[in-house]
Amino acid sequence: MAINLSFVRDKIASDREQYTARATIIQSLINRIRASEIVPDAEIERNRRLAWGLNADGTLVDRPVSWREVFFGRKT
C-alpha cells in the first residue's frame, strides 16, 4: 500500500509539473499576442500541440487507465 501511495504522490507531482508547463506555454503565447507581436499560424499550432499533448495528427496523447493500475500502480 505504501508503495502505491508513493507512486500516486509521484504521479501527482508529475501531473502538476505538466499542467504548469502547459499554462506557461499558453501564457507566453497570450502575452506575445497582446503585445501585438505577429505570431505565425504554424507557431501557434505548434504551441497548441505542445500545450495540449497532441500528436502530429491532432489526436490526444492519452491512454486508458485500468482498475488494476488504480489499485496496484503502473508497471514499469
PDB file of N, CA and C in Angstrom:
ATOM      1  N   MET A   1       0.827  -1.184   0.000  1.00  0.00           N
ATOM      2  CA  MET A   1       0.000   0.000   0.000  1.00  0.00           C
ATOM      3  C   MET A   1       0.880   1.260   0.000  1.00  0.00           C
ATOM      4  N   ALA A   2       1.941   1.245   0.791  1.00  0.00           N
ATOM      5  CA  ALA A   2       2.819   2.416   0.883  1.00  0.00           C
ATOM      6  C   ALA A   2       3.506   2.688  -0.452  1.00  0.00           C
ATOM      7  N   ILE A   3       3.853   1.621  -1.170  1.00  0.00           N
ATOM      8  CA  ILE A   3       4.498   1.793  -2.474  1.00  0.00           C
ATOM      9  C   ILE A   3       3.526   2.443  -3.442  1.00  0.00           C
ATOM     10  N   ASN A   4       2.272   2.008  -3.411  1.00  0.00           N
ATOM     11  CA  ASN A   4       1.271   2.595  -4.290  1.00  0.00           C
ATOM     12  C   ASN A   4       1.051   4.071  -3.957  1.00  0.00           C
ATOM     13  N   LEU A   5       1.032   4.420  -2.670  1.00  0.00           N
ATOM     14  CA  LEU A   5       0.863   5.816  -2.288  1.00  0.00           C
ATOM     15  C   LEU A   5       2.041   6.658  -2.756  1.00  0.00           C
ATOM     16  N   SER A   6       3.228   6.075  -2.704  1.00  0.00           N
ATOM     17  CA  SER A   6       4.417   6.770  -3.198  1.00  0.00           C
ATOM     18  C   SER A   6       4.280   7.027  -4.701  1.00  0.00           C
ATOM     19  N   PHE A   7       3.792   6.017  -5.414  1.00  0.00           N
ATOM     20  CA  PHE A   7       3.567   6.170  -6.852  1.00  0.00           C
ATOM     21  C   PHE A   7       2.551   7.276  -7.128  1.00  0.00           C
ATOM     22  N   VAL A   8       1.483   7.301  -6.351  1.00  0.00           N
ATOM     23  CA  VAL A   8       0.442   8.312  -6.531  1.00  0.00           C
ATOM     24  C   VAL A   8       1.011   9.706  -6.285  1.00  0.00           C
ATOM     25  N   ARG A   9       1.810   9.870  -5.233  1.00  0.00           N
ATOM     26  CA  ARG A   9       2.427  11.169  -4.956  1.00  0.00           C
ATOM     27  C   ARG A   9       3.330  11.599  -6.108  1.00  0.00           C
ATOM     28  N   ASP A  10       4.113  10.659  -6.632  1.00  0.00           N
ATOM     29  CA  ASP A  10       4.990  10.976  -7.762  1.00  0.00           C
ATOM     30  C   ASP A  10       4.181  11.350  -8.997  1.00  0.00           C
ATOM     31  N   LYS A  11       3.087  10.637  -9.224  1.00  0.00           N
ATOM     32  CA  LYS A  11       2.219  10.908 -10.372  1.00  0.00           C
ATOM     33  C   LYS A  11       1.580  12.288 -10.246  1.00  0.00           C
ATOM     34  N   ILE A  12       1.128  12.633  -9.049  1.00  0.00           N
ATOM     35  CA  ILE A  12       0.520  13.944  -8.824  1.00  0.00           C
ATOM     36  C   ILE A  12       1.543  15.053  -9.069  1.00  0.00           C
ATOM     37  N   ALA A  13       2.759  14.863  -8.584  1.00  0.00           N
ATOM     38  CA  ALA A  13       3.818  15.861  -8.801  1.00  0.00           C
ATOM     39  C   ALA A  13       4.123  15.989 -10.293  1.00  0.00           C
ATOM     40  N   SER A  14       4.170  14.872 -10.989  1.00  0.00           N
ATOM     41  CA  SER A  14       4.433  14.891 -12.427  1.00  0.00           C
ATOM     42  C   SER A  14       3.305  15.602 -13.177  1.00  0.00           C
ATOM     43  N   ASP A  15       2.066  15.301 -12.807  1.00  0.00           N
ATOM     44  CA  ASP A  15       0.921  15.957 -13.448  1.00  0.00           C
ATOM     45  C   ASP A  15       0.941  17.458 -13.188  1.00  0.00           C
ATOM     46  N   ARG A  16       1.266  17.849 -11.967  1.00  0.00           N
ATOM     47  CA  ARG A  16       1.321  19.273 -11.623  1.00  0.00           C
ATOM     48  C   ARG A  16       2.353  19.987 -12.485  1.00  0.00           C
ATOM     49  N   GLU A  17       3.526  19.373 -12.661  1.00  0.00           N
ATOM     50  CA  GLU A  17       4.569  19.965 -13.499  1.00  0.00           C
ATOM     51  C   GLU A  17       4.109  20.076 -14.955  1.00  0.00           C
ATOM     52  N   GLN A  18       3.406  19.048 -15.426  1.00  0.00           N
ATOM     53  CA  GLN A  18       2.917  19.061 -16.795  1.00  0.00           C
ATOM     54  C   GLN A  18       1.886  20.173 -16.996  1.00  0.00           C
ATOM     55  N   TYR A  19       0.966  20.335 -16.061  1.00  0.00           N
ATOM     56  CA  TYR A  19      -0.046  21.390 -16.176  1.00  0.00           C
ATOM     57  C   TYR A  19       0.584  22.780 -16.069  1.00  0.00           C
ATOM     58  N   THR A  20       1.600  22.906 -15.230  1.00  0.00           N
ATOM     59  CA  THR A  20       2.305  24.184 -15.121  1.00  0.00           C
ATOM     60  C   THR A  20       3.004  24.515 -16.440  1.00  0.00           C
ATOM     61  N   ALA A  21       3.613  23.518 -17.056  1.00  0.00           N
ATOM     62  CA  ALA A  21       4.272  23.731 -18.345  1.00  0.00           C
ATOM     63  C   ALA A  21       3.254  24.133 -19.407  1.00  0.00           C
ATOM     64  N   ARG A  22       2.085  23.478 -19.409  1.00  0.00           N
ATOM     65  CA  ARG A  22       1.034  23.835 -20.364  1.00  0.00           C
ATOM     66  C   ARG A  22       0.604  25.287 -20.169  1.00  0.00           C
ATOM     67  N   ALA A  23       0.377  25.658 -18.915  1.00  0.00           N
ATOM     68  CA  ALA A  23      -0.065  27.024 -18.622  1.00  0.00           C
ATOM     69  C   ALA A  23       0.991  28.037 -19.042  1.00  0.00           C
ATOM     70  N   THR A  24       2.260  27.712 -18.849  1.00  0.00           N
ATOM     71  CA  THR A  24       3.348  28.610 -19.223  1.00  0.00           C
ATOM     72  C   THR A  24       3.390  28.814 -20.738  1.00  0.00           C
ATOM     73  N   ILE A  25       3.221  27.740 -21.494  1.00  0.00           N
ATOM     74  CA  ILE A  25       3.217  27.834 -22.957  1.00  0.00           C
ATOM     75  C   ILE A  25       2.072  28.720 -23.418  1.00  0.00           C
ATOM     76  N   ILE A  26       0.896  28.487 -22.873  1.00  0.00           N
ATOM     77  CA  ILE A  26      -0.277  29.268 -23.281  1.00  0.00           C
ATOM     78  C   ILE A  26      -0.127  30.724 -22.865  1.00  0.00           C
ATOM     79  N   GLN A  27       0.343  30.969 -21.648  1.00  0.00           N
ATOM     80  CA  GLN A  27       0.502  32.342 -21.167  1.00  0.00           C
ATOM     81  C   GLN A  27       1.527  33.102 -21.994  1.00  0.00           C
ATOM     82  N   SER A  28       2.604  32.443 -22.378  1.00  0.00           N
ATOM     83  CA  SER A  28       3.616  33.080 -23.219  1.00  0.00           C
ATOM     84  C   SER A  28       3.018  33.499 -24.560  1.00  0.00           C
ATOM     85  N   LEU A  29       2.224  32.617 -25.145  1.00  0.00           N
ATOM     86  CA  LEU A  29       1.589  32.926 -26.414  1.00  0.00           C
ATOM     87  C   LEU A  29       0.593  34.079 -26.260  1.00  0.00           C
ATOM     88  N   ILE A  30      -0.175  34.080 -25.198  1.00  0.00           N
ATOM     89  CA  ILE A  30      -1.126  35.163 -24.930  1.00  0.00           C
ATOM     90  C   ILE A  30      -0.400  36.490 -24.786  1.00  0.00           C
ATOM     91  N   ASN A  31       0.695  36.502 -24.029  1.00  0.00           N
ATOM     92  CA  ASN A  31       1.459  37.745 -23.833  1.00  0.00           C
ATOM     93  C   ASN A  31       2.007  38.291 -25.150  1.00  0.00           C
ATOM     94  N   ARG A  32       2.486  37.395 -26.003  1.00  0.00           N
ATOM     95  CA  ARG A  32       3.019  37.832 -27.292  1.00  0.00           C
ATOM     96  C   ARG A  32       1.922  38.422 -28.176  1.00  0.00           C
ATOM     97  N   ILE A  33       0.751  37.805 -28.166  1.00  0.00           N
ATOM     98  CA  ILE A  33      -0.353  38.301 -28.985  1.00  0.00           C
ATOM     99  C   ILE A  33      -0.857  39.635 -28.438  1.00  0.00           C
ATOM    100  N   ARG A  34      -0.952  39.757 -27.120  1.00  0.00           N
ATOM    101  CA  ARG A  34      -1.391  41.021 -26.514  1.00  0.00           C
ATOM    102  C   ARG A  34      -0.400  42.150 -26.767  1.00  0.00           C
ATOM    103  N   ALA A  35       0.867  41.816 -26.933  1.00  0.00           N
ATOM    104  CA  ALA A  35       1.892  42.824 -27.210  1.00  0.00           C
ATOM    105  C   ALA A  35       1.923  43.187 -28.700  1.00  0.00           C
ATOM    106  N   SER A  36       0.915  42.733 -29.429  1.00  0.00           N
ATOM    107  CA  SER A  36       0.772  42.999 -30.869  1.00  0.00           C
ATOM    108  C   SER A  36       1.915  42.415 -31.689  1.00  0.00           C
ATOM    109  N   GLU A  37       2.542  41.391 -31.168  1.00  0.00           N
ATOM    110  CA  GLU A  37       3.585  40.702 -31.930  1.00  0.00           C
ATOM    111  C   GLU A  37       2.913  39.779 -32.940  1.00  0.00           C
ATOM    112  N   ILE A  38       3.445  39.746 -34.128  1.00  0.00           N
ATOM    113  CA  ILE A  38       2.886  38.864 -35.151  1.00  0.00           C
ATOM    114  C   ILE A  38       3.428  37.459 -34.923  1.00  0.00           C
ATOM    115  N   VAL A  39       2.512  36.562 -34.632  1.00  0.00           N
ATOM    116  CA  VAL A  39       2.882  35.174 -34.370  1.00  0.00           C
ATOM    117  C   VAL A  39       2.365  34.333 -35.534  1.00  0.00           C
ATOM    118  N   PRO A  40       3.262  33.651 -36.250  1.00  0.00           N
ATOM    119  CA  PRO A  40       2.825  32.838 -37.391  1.00  0.00           C
ATOM    120  C   PRO A  40       1.856  31.732 -36.948  1.00  0.00           C
ATOM    121  N   ASP A  41       0.931  31.391 -37.846  1.00  0.00           N
ATOM    122  CA  ASP A  41      -0.046  30.348 -37.552  1.00  0.00           C
ATOM    123  C   ASP A  41       0.629  29.016 -37.236  1.00  0.00           C
ATOM    124  N   ALA A  42       1.725  28.731 -37.932  1.00  0.00           N
ATOM    125  CA  ALA A  42       2.432  27.467 -37.696  1.00  0.00           C
ATOM    126  C   ALA A  42       2.964  27.402 -36.264  1.00  0.00           C
ATOM    127  N   GLU A  43       3.437  28.529 -35.756  1.00  0.00           N
ATOM    128  CA  GLU A  43       3.948  28.553 -34.383  1.00  0.00           C
ATOM    129  C   GLU A  43       2.812  28.422 -33.371  1.00  0.00           C
ATOM    130  N   ILE A  44       1.681  29.057 -33.666  1.00  0.00           N
ATOM    131  CA  ILE A  44       0.524  28.916 -32.784  1.00  0.00           C
ATOM    132  C   ILE A  44       0.084  27.458 -32.733  1.00  0.00           C
ATOM    133  N   GLU A  45       0.029  26.807 -33.884  1.00  0.00           N
ATOM    134  CA  GLU A  45      -0.371  25.406 -33.941  1.00  0.00           C
ATOM    135  C   GLU A  45       0.632  24.515 -33.202  1.00  0.00           C
ATOM    136  N   ARG A  46       1.918  24.783 -33.359  1.00  0.00           N
ATOM    137  CA  ARG A  46       2.947  24.001 -32.665  1.00  0.00           C
ATOM    138  C   ARG A  46       2.804  24.158 -31.154  1.00  0.00           C
ATOM    139  N   ASN A  47       2.589  25.393 -30.698  1.00  0.00           N
ATOM    140  CA  ASN A  47       2.407  25.629 -29.265  1.00  0.00           C
ATOM    141  C   ASN A  47       1.132  24.975 -28.742  1.00  0.00           C
ATOM    142  N   ARG A  48       0.092  24.984 -29.568  1.00  0.00           N
ATOM    143  CA  ARG A  48      -1.156  24.333 -29.165  1.00  0.00           C
ATOM    144  C   ARG A  48      -0.950  22.831 -28.980  1.00  0.00           C
ATOM    145  N   ARG A  49      -0.220  22.219 -29.913  1.00  0.00           N
ATOM    146  CA  ARG A  49       0.060  20.783 -29.789  1.00  0.00           C
ATOM    147  C   ARG A  49       0.915  20.503 -28.550  1.00  0.00           C
ATOM    148  N   LEU A  50       1.906  21.366 -28.298  1.00  0.00           N
ATOM    149  CA  LEU A  50       2.743  21.193 -27.109  1.00  0.00           C
ATOM    150  C   LEU A  50       1.927  21.328 -25.828  1.00  0.00           C
ATOM    151  N   ALA A  51       1.080  22.343 -25.785  1.00  0.00           N
ATOM    152  CA  ALA A  51       0.324  22.621 -24.570  1.00  0.00           C
ATOM    153  C   ALA A  51      -0.704  21.539 -24.269  1.00  0.00           C
ATOM    154  N   TRP A  52      -1.332  20.994 -25.288  1.00  0.00           N
ATOM    155  CA  TRP A  52      -2.394  20.025 -25.054  1.00  0.00           C
ATOM    156  C   TRP A  52      -1.943  18.586 -25.226  1.00  0.00           C
ATOM    157  N   GLY A  53      -0.678  18.365 -25.538  1.00  0.00           N
ATOM    158  CA  GLY A  53      -0.192  16.998 -25.663  1.00  0.00           C
ATOM    159  C   GLY A  53      -0.790  16.277 -26.857  1.00  0.00           C
ATOM    160  N   LEU A  54      -0.795  16.938 -28.014  1.00  0.00           N
ATOM    161  CA  LEU A  54      -1.361  16.345 -29.217  1.00  0.00           C
ATOM    162  C   LEU A  54      -0.277  15.715 -30.075  1.00  0.00           C
ATOM    163  N   ASN A  55      -0.640  14.623 -30.734  1.00  0.00           N
ATOM    164  CA  ASN A  55       0.240  14.012 -31.722  1.00  0.00           C
ATOM    165  C   ASN A  55       0.264  14.883 -32.966  1.00  0.00           C
ATOM    166  N   ALA A  56       1.113  14.534 -33.916  1.00  0.00           N
ATOM    167  CA  ALA A  56       1.195  15.288 -35.166  1.00  0.00           C
ATOM    168  C   ALA A  56      -0.122  15.229 -35.940  1.00  0.00           C
ATOM    169  N   ASP A  57      -0.886  14.136 -35.773  1.00  0.00           N
ATOM    170  CA  ASP A  57      -2.161  14.021 -36.486  1.00  0.00           C
ATOM    171  C   ASP A  57      -3.323  14.671 -35.730  1.00  0.00           C
ATOM    172  N   GLY A  58      -3.042  15.311 -34.580  1.00  0.00           N
ATOM    173  CA  GLY A  58      -4.066  16.057 -33.856  1.00  0.00           C
ATOM    174  C   GLY A  58      -4.810  15.271 -32.791  1.00  0.00           C
ATOM    175  N   THR A  59      -4.431  14.015 -32.567  1.00  0.00           N
ATOM    176  CA  THR A  59      -5.090  13.226 -31.530  1.00  0.00           C
ATOM    177  C   THR A  59      -4.367  13.404 -30.206  1.00  0.00           C
ATOM    178  N   LEU A  60      -5.121  13.311 -29.125  1.00  0.00           N
ATOM    179  CA  LEU A  60      -4.539  13.457 -27.792  1.00  0.00           C
ATOM    180  C   LEU A  60      -3.604  12.314 -27.460  1.00  0.00           C
ATOM    181  N   VAL A  61      -2.504  12.649 -26.790  1.00  0.00           N
ATOM    182  CA  VAL A  61      -1.596  11.625 -26.292  1.00  0.00           C
ATOM    183  C   VAL A  61      -2.159  11.203 -24.941  1.00  0.00           C
ATOM    184  N   ASP A  62      -2.834  10.099 -24.959  1.00  0.00           N
ATOM    185  CA  ASP A  62      -3.509   9.641 -23.743  1.00  0.00           C
ATOM    186  C   ASP A  62      -3.673   8.143 -23.847  1.00  0.00           C
ATOM    187  N   ARG A  63      -3.827   7.520 -22.715  1.00  0.00           N
ATOM    188  CA  ARG A  63      -4.093   6.093 -22.725  1.00  0.00           C
ATOM    189  C   ARG A  63      -5.005   5.780 -21.553  1.00  0.00           C
ATOM    190  N   PRO A  64      -5.829   4.750 -21.705  1.00  0.00           N
ATOM    191  CA  PRO A  64      -6.752   4.419 -20.625  1.00  0.00           C
ATOM    192  C   PRO A  64      -6.017   3.861 -19.409  1.00  0.00           C
ATOM    193  N   VAL A  65      -6.597   4.061 -18.249  1.00  0.00           N
ATOM    194  CA  VAL A  65      -6.041   3.542 -17.000  1.00  0.00           C
ATOM    195  C   VAL A  65      -6.963   2.431 -16.509  1.00  0.00           C
ATOM    196  N   SER A  66      -6.395   1.258 -16.286  1.00  0.00           N
ATOM    197  CA  SER A  66      -7.199   0.129 -15.827  1.00  0.00           C
ATOM    198  C   SER A  66      -7.402   0.200 -14.311  1.00  0.00           C
ATOM    199  N   TRP A  67      -8.412  -0.549 -13.836  1.00  0.00           N
ATOM    200  CA  TRP A  67      -8.648  -0.598 -12.390  1.00  0.00           C
ATOM    201  C   TRP A  67      -7.472  -1.238 -11.674  1.00  0.00           C
ATOM    202  N   ARG A  68      -6.816  -2.177 -12.352  1.00  0.00           N
ATOM    203  CA  ARG A  68      -5.632  -2.804 -11.748  1.00  0.00           C
ATOM    204  C   ARG A  68      -4.568  -1.749 -11.447  1.00  0.00           C
ATOM    205  N   GLU A  69      -4.345  -0.819 -12.403  1.00  0.00           N
ATOM    206  CA  GLU A  69      -3.378   0.253 -12.187  1.00  0.00           C
ATOM    207  C   GLU A  69      -3.823   1.204 -11.086  1.00  0.00           C
ATOM    208  N   VAL A  70      -5.125   1.412 -10.982  1.00  0.00           N
ATOM    209  CA  VAL A  70      -5.634   2.294  -9.934  1.00  0.00           C
ATOM    210  C   VAL A  70      -5.278   1.751  -8.563  1.00  0.00           C
ATOM    211  N   PHE A  71      -5.457   0.450  -8.379  1.00  0.00           N
ATOM    212  CA  PHE A  71      -5.227  -0.148  -7.064  1.00  0.00           C
ATOM    213  C   PHE A  71      -3.782  -0.563  -6.822  1.00  0.00           C
ATOM    214  N   PHE A  72      -3.097  -1.036  -7.866  1.00  0.00           N
ATOM    215  CA  PHE A  72      -1.756  -1.587  -7.669  1.00  0.00           C
ATOM    216  C   PHE A  72      -0.644  -0.757  -8.289  1.00  0.00           C
ATOM    217  N   GLY A  73      -0.996   0.295  -9.010  1.00  0.00           N
ATOM    218  CA  GLY A  73       0.019   1.137  -9.630  1.00  0.00           C
ATOM    219  C   GLY A  73       0.397   0.641 -11.010  1.00  0.00           C
ATOM    220  N   ARG A  74       1.096   1.469 -11.751  1.00  0.00           N
ATOM    221  CA  ARG A  74       1.503   1.148 -13.110  1.00  0.00           C
ATOM    222  C   ARG A  74       2.781   0.331 -13.085  1.00  0.00           C
ATOM    223  N   LYS A  75       2.821  -0.707 -13.919  1.00  0.00           N
ATOM    224  CA  LYS A  75       4.050  -1.485 -14.057  1.00  0.00           C
ATOM    225  C   LYS A  75       5.001  -0.722 -14.953  1.00  0.00           C
ATOM    226  N   THR A  76       6.290  -0.737 -14.585  1.00  0.00           N
ATOM    227  CA  THR A  76       7.276  -0.034 -15.403  1.00  0.00           C
ATOM    228  C   THR A  76       8.046  -0.987 -16.260  1.00  0.00           C
TER     229      THR A  76
END
